[in-house]
Amino acid sequence: MQKNKLHHDLLSSWMDLCRKIIVTYHENYKDSHFPKNIMEILLYLESKENVCEPAAIADALYIPRQTMTSLIDSMVKKGLAIRSPHKTDRRRIEIVITEKGKSIAIDFRNRIIDKYQLSMKTVKQKDVLEKLTVALKLIDEIQSIK
């Protein structure tokens, strides 16, 4: 019984921390000139070798697939991405981030990192990052068990 209480308390603390991180992350969208979904897609593309199919993006970011077409249209219109034919299947397309889109994603990511670095000035950043890395790997392992 004691072990379950400890696990419950640890998971509860972890959920609180995750919520705080997500809130801080989403507060950064207020400074962006683009909608949240577009910024998410740009960040995803920039981290995924710059090319991805719309359905894969939608699934990864929990965006309804039917919404992707209008988001991609908007991104293409703003010069953030282009549609490209799939390399092996003519019926499919890939979304390719442009240099402009990549620059916006990198700037956004760097702003978030800068804000976190400012908030971690009082603690040993290396220690915190090492512990977070271990925790994130554990979460990733747990998620892959599904």
N, C-alpha and C. Protein backbone atom coordinates (compact mmCIF):
# COMPACT_ATOMS: atom_id res chain seq x y z
N MET A 1 0.82 -1.20 0.00
CA MET A 1 0.00 0.00 0.00
C MET A 1 0.86 1.26 0.00
N GLN A 2 1.94 1.24 0.78
CA GLN A 2 2.85 2.38 0.88
C GLN A 2 3.44 2.71 -0.49
N LYS A 3 3.82 1.65 -1.24
CA LYS A 3 4.43 1.83 -2.56
C LYS A 3 3.44 2.51 -3.52
N ASN A 4 2.18 2.10 -3.50
CA ASN A 4 1.17 2.71 -4.37
C ASN A 4 0.99 4.18 -4.06
N LYS A 5 0.99 4.54 -2.80
CA LYS A 5 0.86 5.94 -2.38
C LYS A 5 2.05 6.75 -2.89
N LEU A 6 3.25 6.19 -2.76
CA LEU A 6 4.45 6.86 -3.25
C LEU A 6 4.38 7.06 -4.76
N HIS A 7 4.01 6.01 -5.49
CA HIS A 7 3.88 6.12 -6.94
C HIS A 7 2.82 7.15 -7.32
N HIS A 8 1.72 7.11 -6.61
CA HIS A 8 0.65 8.07 -6.87
C HIS A 8 1.15 9.50 -6.66
N ASP A 9 1.84 9.74 -5.55
CA ASP A 9 2.35 11.08 -5.26
C ASP A 9 3.39 11.53 -6.29
N LEU A 10 4.27 10.61 -6.70
CA LEU A 10 5.27 10.94 -7.70
C LEU A 10 4.62 11.27 -9.05
N LEU A 11 3.66 10.46 -9.44
CA LEU A 11 2.98 10.72 -10.70
C LEU A 11 2.18 12.02 -10.65
N SER A 12 1.58 12.29 -9.52
CA SER A 12 0.84 13.54 -9.36
C SER A 12 1.78 14.73 -9.47
N SER A 13 2.94 14.65 -8.84
CA SER A 13 3.94 15.72 -8.94
C SER A 13 4.41 15.88 -10.37
N TRP A 14 4.63 14.75 -11.03
CA TRP A 14 5.08 14.79 -12.43
C TRP A 14 4.02 15.45 -13.31
N MET A 15 2.77 15.13 -13.08
CA MET A 15 1.69 15.74 -13.88
C MET A 15 1.65 17.25 -13.65
N ASP A 16 1.83 17.68 -12.42
CA ASP A 16 1.86 19.12 -12.14
C ASP A 16 3.00 19.79 -12.88
N LEU A 17 4.16 19.16 -12.86
CA LEU A 17 5.33 19.72 -13.57
C LEU A 17 5.07 19.77 -15.07
N CYS A 18 4.51 18.71 -15.62
CA CYS A 18 4.19 18.69 -17.05
C CYS A 18 3.22 19.82 -17.40
N ARG A 19 2.22 20.01 -16.58
CA ARG A 19 1.26 21.08 -16.82
C ARG A 19 1.96 22.43 -16.84
N LYS A 20 2.87 22.66 -15.89
CA LYS A 20 3.60 23.94 -15.84
C LYS A 20 4.45 24.13 -17.09
N ILE A 21 5.10 23.07 -17.53
CA ILE A 21 5.92 23.16 -18.74
C ILE A 21 5.04 23.46 -19.95
N ILE A 22 3.91 22.79 -20.04
CA ILE A 22 3.01 23.02 -21.17
C ILE A 22 2.47 24.44 -21.16
N VAL A 23 2.09 24.93 -20.00
CA VAL A 23 1.60 26.31 -19.89
C VAL A 23 2.67 27.30 -20.34
N THR A 24 3.90 27.11 -19.88
CA THR A 24 4.99 27.99 -20.28
C THR A 24 5.21 27.90 -21.78
N TYR A 25 5.18 26.70 -22.31
CA TYR A 25 5.36 26.48 -23.74
C TYR A 25 4.29 27.21 -24.54
N HIS A 26 3.03 27.07 -24.12
CA HIS A 26 1.93 27.68 -24.85
C HIS A 26 1.90 29.21 -24.69
N GLU A 27 2.42 29.71 -23.60
CA GLU A 27 2.49 31.17 -23.44
C GLU A 27 3.36 31.80 -24.52
N ASN A 28 4.32 31.07 -25.02
CA ASN A 28 5.20 31.58 -26.06
C ASN A 28 4.47 31.79 -27.38
N TYR A 29 3.36 31.08 -27.59
CA TYR A 29 2.60 31.27 -28.83
C TYR A 29 2.01 32.67 -28.91
N LYS A 30 1.78 33.29 -27.76
CA LYS A 30 1.19 34.64 -27.75
C LYS A 30 2.07 35.62 -28.51
N ASP A 31 3.39 35.42 -28.48
CA ASP A 31 4.32 36.30 -29.16
C ASP A 31 4.48 35.96 -30.63
N SER A 32 3.95 34.83 -31.04
CA SER A 32 4.11 34.39 -32.42
C SER A 32 3.11 35.09 -33.33
N HIS A 33 3.49 35.24 -34.57
CA HIS A 33 2.60 35.86 -35.56
C HIS A 33 1.79 34.81 -36.31
N PHE A 34 1.92 33.57 -35.90
CA PHE A 34 1.23 32.48 -36.58
C PHE A 34 0.38 31.70 -35.60
N PRO A 35 -0.70 31.08 -36.09
CA PRO A 35 -1.53 30.25 -35.20
C PRO A 35 -0.73 29.10 -34.60
N LYS A 36 -1.19 28.64 -33.46
CA LYS A 36 -0.52 27.58 -32.71
C LYS A 36 -0.31 26.33 -33.56
N ASN A 37 -1.32 25.89 -34.30
CA ASN A 37 -1.18 24.67 -35.11
C ASN A 37 -0.08 24.81 -36.16
N ILE A 38 0.02 25.98 -36.77
CA ILE A 38 1.06 26.19 -37.77
C ILE A 38 2.44 26.15 -37.12
N MET A 39 2.57 26.76 -35.95
CA MET A 39 3.86 26.72 -35.26
C MET A 39 4.22 25.29 -34.88
N GLU A 40 3.24 24.53 -34.43
CA GLU A 40 3.49 23.12 -34.08
C GLU A 40 3.97 22.34 -35.30
N ILE A 41 3.33 22.57 -36.44
CA ILE A 41 3.73 21.87 -37.67
C ILE A 41 5.15 22.27 -38.07
N LEU A 42 5.46 23.55 -37.98
CA LEU A 42 6.80 24.02 -38.33
C LEU A 42 7.85 23.37 -37.42
N LEU A 43 7.58 23.35 -36.13
CA LEU A 43 8.51 22.73 -35.18
C LEU A 43 8.68 21.25 -35.49
N TYR A 44 7.59 20.60 -35.81
CA TYR A 44 7.63 19.17 -36.12
C TYR A 44 8.45 18.92 -37.39
N LEU A 45 8.16 19.67 -38.44
CA LEU A 45 8.89 19.50 -39.70
C LEU A 45 10.38 19.79 -39.52
N GLU A 46 10.67 20.83 -38.79
CA GLU A 46 12.07 21.23 -38.59
C GLU A 46 12.83 20.15 -37.83
N SER A 47 12.14 19.42 -36.97
CA SER A 47 12.81 18.37 -36.19
C SER A 47 12.77 17.02 -36.90
N LYS A 48 12.02 16.89 -37.99
CA LYS A 48 11.87 15.61 -38.69
C LYS A 48 12.47 15.65 -40.09
N GLU A 49 13.66 16.18 -40.20
CA GLU A 49 14.37 16.24 -41.48
C GLU A 49 13.61 17.00 -42.55
N ASN A 50 12.73 17.91 -42.14
CA ASN A 50 12.10 18.90 -42.99
C ASN A 50 11.04 18.41 -43.97
N VAL A 51 10.76 17.11 -44.01
CA VAL A 51 9.79 16.57 -44.96
C VAL A 51 8.89 15.57 -44.24
N CYS A 52 7.59 15.63 -44.53
CA CYS A 52 6.68 14.67 -43.91
C CYS A 52 5.35 14.69 -44.66
N GLU A 53 4.64 13.58 -44.62
CA GLU A 53 3.32 13.53 -45.23
C GLU A 53 2.29 14.15 -44.29
N PRO A 54 1.26 14.78 -44.87
CA PRO A 54 0.24 15.45 -44.04
C PRO A 54 -0.41 14.53 -43.00
N ALA A 55 -0.73 13.31 -43.38
CA ALA A 55 -1.38 12.38 -42.43
C ALA A 55 -0.47 12.07 -41.25
N ALA A 56 0.82 11.92 -41.51
CA ALA A 56 1.76 11.63 -40.42
C ALA A 56 1.88 12.82 -39.47
N ILE A 57 1.87 14.02 -40.03
CA ILE A 57 1.92 15.23 -39.20
C ILE A 57 0.67 15.31 -38.34
N ALA A 58 -0.48 15.11 -38.97
CA ALA A 58 -1.75 15.17 -38.25
C ALA A 58 -1.78 14.17 -37.10
N ASP A 59 -1.37 12.97 -37.37
CA ASP A 59 -1.38 11.93 -36.34
C ASP A 59 -0.41 12.26 -35.21
N ALA A 60 0.77 12.73 -35.55
CA ALA A 60 1.79 13.02 -34.54
C ALA A 60 1.39 14.18 -33.64
N LEU A 61 0.69 15.17 -34.21
CA LEU A 61 0.36 16.38 -33.45
C LEU A 61 -1.10 16.40 -32.97
N TYR A 62 -1.82 15.31 -33.20
CA TYR A 62 -3.23 15.22 -32.79
C TYR A 62 -4.06 16.35 -33.41
N ILE A 63 -3.80 16.61 -34.67
CA ILE A 63 -4.58 17.58 -35.44
C ILE A 63 -5.51 16.76 -36.33
N PRO A 64 -6.80 17.08 -36.37
CA PRO A 64 -7.68 16.32 -37.26
C PRO A 64 -7.17 16.37 -38.70
N ARG A 65 -7.19 15.23 -39.37
CA ARG A 65 -6.66 15.16 -40.74
C ARG A 65 -7.37 16.13 -41.68
N GLN A 66 -8.67 16.31 -41.48
CA GLN A 66 -9.42 17.21 -42.35
C GLN A 66 -9.00 18.68 -42.16
N THR A 67 -8.37 18.99 -41.05
CA THR A 67 -7.89 20.34 -40.78
C THR A 67 -6.55 20.61 -41.47
N MET A 68 -5.82 19.55 -41.75
CA MET A 68 -4.48 19.69 -42.31
C MET A 68 -4.47 20.42 -43.66
N THR A 69 -5.44 20.17 -44.49
CA THR A 69 -5.45 20.80 -45.81
C THR A 69 -5.46 22.32 -45.70
N SER A 70 -6.33 22.85 -44.86
CA SER A 70 -6.38 24.32 -44.72
C SER A 70 -5.12 24.87 -44.06
N LEU A 71 -4.57 24.13 -43.10
CA LEU A 71 -3.32 24.58 -42.47
C LEU A 71 -2.17 24.58 -43.48
N ILE A 72 -2.10 23.54 -44.28
CA ILE A 72 -1.04 23.46 -45.29
C ILE A 72 -1.24 24.56 -46.33
N ASP A 73 -2.49 24.78 -46.76
CA ASP A 73 -2.77 25.87 -47.70
C ASP A 73 -2.24 27.19 -47.15
N SER A 74 -2.51 27.44 -45.90
CA SER A 74 -2.07 28.68 -45.25
C SER A 74 -0.54 28.76 -45.19
N MET A 75 0.09 27.64 -44.86
CA MET A 75 1.55 27.62 -44.78
C MET A 75 2.18 27.86 -46.15
N VAL A 76 1.61 27.25 -47.17
CA VAL A 76 2.13 27.43 -48.53
C VAL A 76 1.96 28.88 -48.96
N LYS A 77 0.79 29.43 -48.69
CA LYS A 77 0.50 30.82 -49.05
C LYS A 77 1.47 31.80 -48.39
N LYS A 78 1.88 31.49 -47.15
CA LYS A 78 2.79 32.37 -46.40
C LYS A 78 4.26 32.06 -46.67
N GLY A 79 4.52 31.08 -47.53
CA GLY A 79 5.89 30.74 -47.88
C GLY A 79 6.63 29.96 -46.80
N LEU A 80 5.89 29.27 -45.92
CA LEU A 80 6.50 28.51 -44.83
C LEU A 80 6.78 27.06 -45.22
N ALA A 81 6.06 26.57 -46.22
CA ALA A 81 6.21 25.18 -46.65
C ALA A 81 5.77 25.08 -48.11
N ILE A 82 6.16 23.97 -48.73
CA ILE A 82 5.70 23.68 -50.09
C ILE A 82 5.18 22.26 -50.13
N ARG A 83 4.29 22.01 -51.09
CA ARG A 83 3.84 20.64 -51.35
C ARG A 83 4.79 20.06 -52.39
N SER A 84 5.17 18.83 -52.17
CA SER A 84 6.09 18.16 -53.09
C SER A 84 5.55 16.77 -53.38
N PRO A 85 5.67 16.30 -54.62
CA PRO A 85 5.21 14.93 -54.90
C PRO A 85 6.03 13.92 -54.11
N HIS A 86 5.37 12.87 -53.69
CA HIS A 86 6.04 11.78 -52.96
C HIS A 86 7.04 11.13 -53.91
N LYS A 87 8.15 10.69 -53.36
CA LYS A 87 9.24 10.14 -54.18
C LYS A 87 8.86 8.84 -54.90
N THR A 88 8.00 8.02 -54.27
CA THR A 88 7.69 6.71 -54.86
C THR A 88 6.22 6.50 -55.23
N ASP A 89 5.33 7.38 -54.75
CA ASP A 89 3.91 7.18 -54.99
C ASP A 89 3.29 8.49 -55.46
N ARG A 90 2.90 8.55 -56.74
CA ARG A 90 2.37 9.80 -57.32
C ARG A 90 1.08 10.28 -56.65
N ARG A 91 0.36 9.38 -56.00
CA ARG A 91 -0.92 9.76 -55.38
C ARG A 91 -0.73 10.51 -54.08
N ARG A 92 0.47 10.45 -53.52
CA ARG A 92 0.72 11.06 -52.22
C ARG A 92 1.58 12.31 -52.37
N ILE A 93 1.49 13.18 -51.36
CA ILE A 93 2.33 14.38 -51.34
C ILE A 93 3.11 14.43 -50.03
N GLU A 94 4.15 15.22 -50.05
CA GLU A 94 4.92 15.47 -48.84
C GLU A 94 4.94 16.98 -48.62
N ILE A 95 5.03 17.37 -47.37
CA ILE A 95 5.14 18.78 -47.01
C ILE A 95 6.61 19.02 -46.69
N VAL A 96 7.16 20.02 -47.33
CA VAL A 96 8.57 20.36 -47.14
C VAL A 96 8.65 21.76 -46.55
N ILE A 97 9.34 21.91 -45.45
CA ILE A 97 9.49 23.22 -44.82
C ILE A 97 10.46 24.06 -45.66
N THR A 98 10.15 25.33 -45.83
CA THR A 98 11.03 26.24 -46.56
C THR A 98 12.07 26.81 -45.60
N GLU A 99 13.03 27.51 -46.15
CA GLU A 99 14.04 28.17 -45.31
C GLU A 99 13.36 29.18 -44.38
N LYS A 100 12.35 29.88 -44.89
CA LYS A 100 11.62 30.85 -44.06
C LYS A 100 10.93 30.12 -42.90
N GLY A 101 10.26 29.01 -43.20
CA GLY A 101 9.59 28.23 -42.16
C GLY A 101 10.57 27.67 -41.15
N LYS A 102 11.70 27.18 -41.64
CA LYS A 102 12.74 26.63 -40.76
C LYS A 102 13.28 27.71 -39.83
N SER A 103 13.51 28.90 -40.38
CA SER A 103 14.02 30.02 -39.58
C SER A 103 13.04 30.39 -38.47
N ILE A 104 11.77 30.42 -38.80
CA ILE A 104 10.73 30.76 -37.81
C ILE A 104 10.68 29.69 -36.72
N ALA A 105 10.74 28.41 -37.11
CA ALA A 105 10.71 27.32 -36.13
C ALA A 105 11.93 27.38 -35.20
N ILE A 106 13.09 27.61 -35.78
CA ILE A 106 14.32 27.67 -34.97
C ILE A 106 14.27 28.86 -34.02
N ASP A 107 13.82 30.02 -34.51
CA ASP A 107 13.70 31.20 -33.65
C ASP A 107 12.74 30.95 -32.50
N PHE A 108 11.61 30.31 -32.80
CA PHE A 108 10.61 30.01 -31.77
C PHE A 108 11.19 29.06 -30.72
N ARG A 109 11.85 27.99 -31.19
CA ARG A 109 12.46 27.02 -30.27
C ARG A 109 13.51 27.71 -29.40
N ASN A 110 14.32 28.57 -30.00
CA ASN A 110 15.37 29.27 -29.24
C ASN A 110 14.78 30.22 -28.19
N ARG A 111 13.65 30.86 -28.51
CA ARG A 111 13.00 31.73 -27.51
C ARG A 111 12.55 30.93 -26.31
N ILE A 112 11.98 29.76 -26.56
CA ILE A 112 11.53 28.90 -25.46
C ILE A 112 12.74 28.46 -24.62
N ILE A 113 13.79 28.04 -25.28
CA ILE A 113 15.00 27.61 -24.57
C ILE A 113 15.57 28.75 -23.75
N ASP A 114 15.61 29.95 -24.33
CA ASP A 114 16.12 31.12 -23.60
C ASP A 114 15.30 31.39 -22.34
N LYS A 115 13.97 31.27 -22.44
CA LYS A 115 13.13 31.50 -21.26
C LYS A 115 13.38 30.46 -20.18
N TYR A 116 13.56 29.20 -20.59
CA TYR A 116 13.84 28.16 -19.60
C TYR A 116 15.21 28.36 -18.98
N GLN A 117 16.18 28.79 -19.77
CA GLN A 117 17.51 29.02 -19.22
C GLN A 117 17.48 30.14 -18.20
N LEU A 118 16.72 31.18 -18.46
CA LEU A 118 16.60 32.27 -17.49
C LEU A 118 16.00 31.77 -16.18
N SER A 119 15.01 30.89 -16.28
CA SER A 119 14.35 30.41 -15.07
C SER A 119 15.21 29.40 -14.31
N MET A 120 16.24 28.85 -14.96
CA MET A 120 17.09 27.86 -14.31
C MET A 120 18.42 28.44 -13.83
N LYS A 121 18.55 29.74 -13.83
CA LYS A 121 19.82 30.35 -13.44
C LYS A 121 20.23 30.00 -12.00
N THR A 122 19.26 29.79 -11.14
CA THR A 122 19.58 29.55 -9.73
C THR A 122 19.91 28.09 -9.43
N VAL A 123 19.64 27.19 -10.37
CA VAL A 123 19.98 25.79 -10.15
C VAL A 123 21.05 25.37 -11.15
N LYS A 124 21.68 24.29 -10.86
CA LYS A 124 22.71 23.79 -11.77
C LYS A 124 22.03 23.22 -13.02
N GLN A 125 22.14 23.96 -14.11
CA GLN A 125 21.46 23.57 -15.34
C GLN A 125 21.83 22.16 -15.80
N LYS A 126 23.09 21.82 -15.72
CA LYS A 126 23.53 20.51 -16.18
C LYS A 126 22.83 19.41 -15.40
N ASP A 127 22.74 19.56 -14.08
CA ASP A 127 22.08 18.56 -13.25
C ASP A 127 20.60 18.42 -13.62
N VAL A 128 19.97 19.57 -13.77
CA VAL A 128 18.54 19.56 -14.12
C VAL A 128 18.32 18.88 -15.46
N LEU A 129 19.12 19.25 -16.45
CA LEU A 129 18.96 18.68 -17.79
C LEU A 129 19.24 17.18 -17.80
N GLU A 130 20.23 16.74 -17.04
CA GLU A 130 20.51 15.31 -16.97
C GLU A 130 19.33 14.55 -16.35
N LYS A 131 18.77 15.10 -15.28
CA LYS A 131 17.64 14.44 -14.62
C LYS A 131 16.41 14.45 -15.53
N LEU A 132 16.17 15.57 -16.23
CA LEU A 132 15.04 15.63 -17.16
C LEU A 132 15.21 14.64 -18.30
N THR A 133 16.42 14.50 -18.79
CA THR A 133 16.69 13.55 -19.87
C THR A 133 16.38 12.13 -19.43
N VAL A 134 16.80 11.76 -18.25
CA VAL A 134 16.51 10.43 -17.71
C VAL A 134 15.00 10.24 -17.58
N ALA A 135 14.32 11.25 -17.04
CA ALA A 135 12.87 11.17 -16.86
C ALA A 135 12.16 11.06 -18.20
N LEU A 136 12.57 11.84 -19.18
CA LEU A 136 11.92 11.79 -20.50
C LEU A 136 12.15 10.45 -21.19
N LYS A 137 13.33 9.88 -21.03
CA LYS A 137 13.59 8.55 -21.60
C LYS A 137 12.69 7.51 -20.96
N LEU A 138 12.50 7.63 -19.65
CA LEU A 138 11.63 6.69 -18.95
C LEU A 138 10.19 6.83 -19.45
N ILE A 139 9.73 8.05 -19.60
CA ILE A 139 8.37 8.30 -20.10
C ILE A 139 8.23 7.75 -21.50
N ASP A 140 9.22 7.95 -22.35
CA ASP A 140 9.20 7.43 -23.70
C ASP A 140 9.10 5.91 -23.69
N GLU A 141 9.84 5.25 -22.80
CA GLU A 141 9.78 3.80 -22.67
C GLU A 141 8.38 3.35 -22.25
N ILE A 142 7.81 4.06 -21.29
CA ILE A 142 6.47 3.73 -20.80
C ILE A 142 5.45 3.89 -21.92
N GLN A 143 5.57 4.98 -22.69
CA GLN A 143 4.64 5.24 -23.79
C GLN A 143 4.73 4.15 -24.87
N SER A 144 5.93 3.64 -25.12
CA SER A 144 6.10 2.64 -26.18
C SER A 144 5.58 1.28 -25.79
N ILE A 145 5.27 1.08 -24.52
CA ILE A 145 4.74 -0.22 -24.04
C ILE A 145 3.29 -0.42 -24.48
N LYS A 146 2.57 0.66 -24.69
CA LYS A 146 1.12 0.59 -25.02
C LYS A 146 0.77 -0.58 -25.87
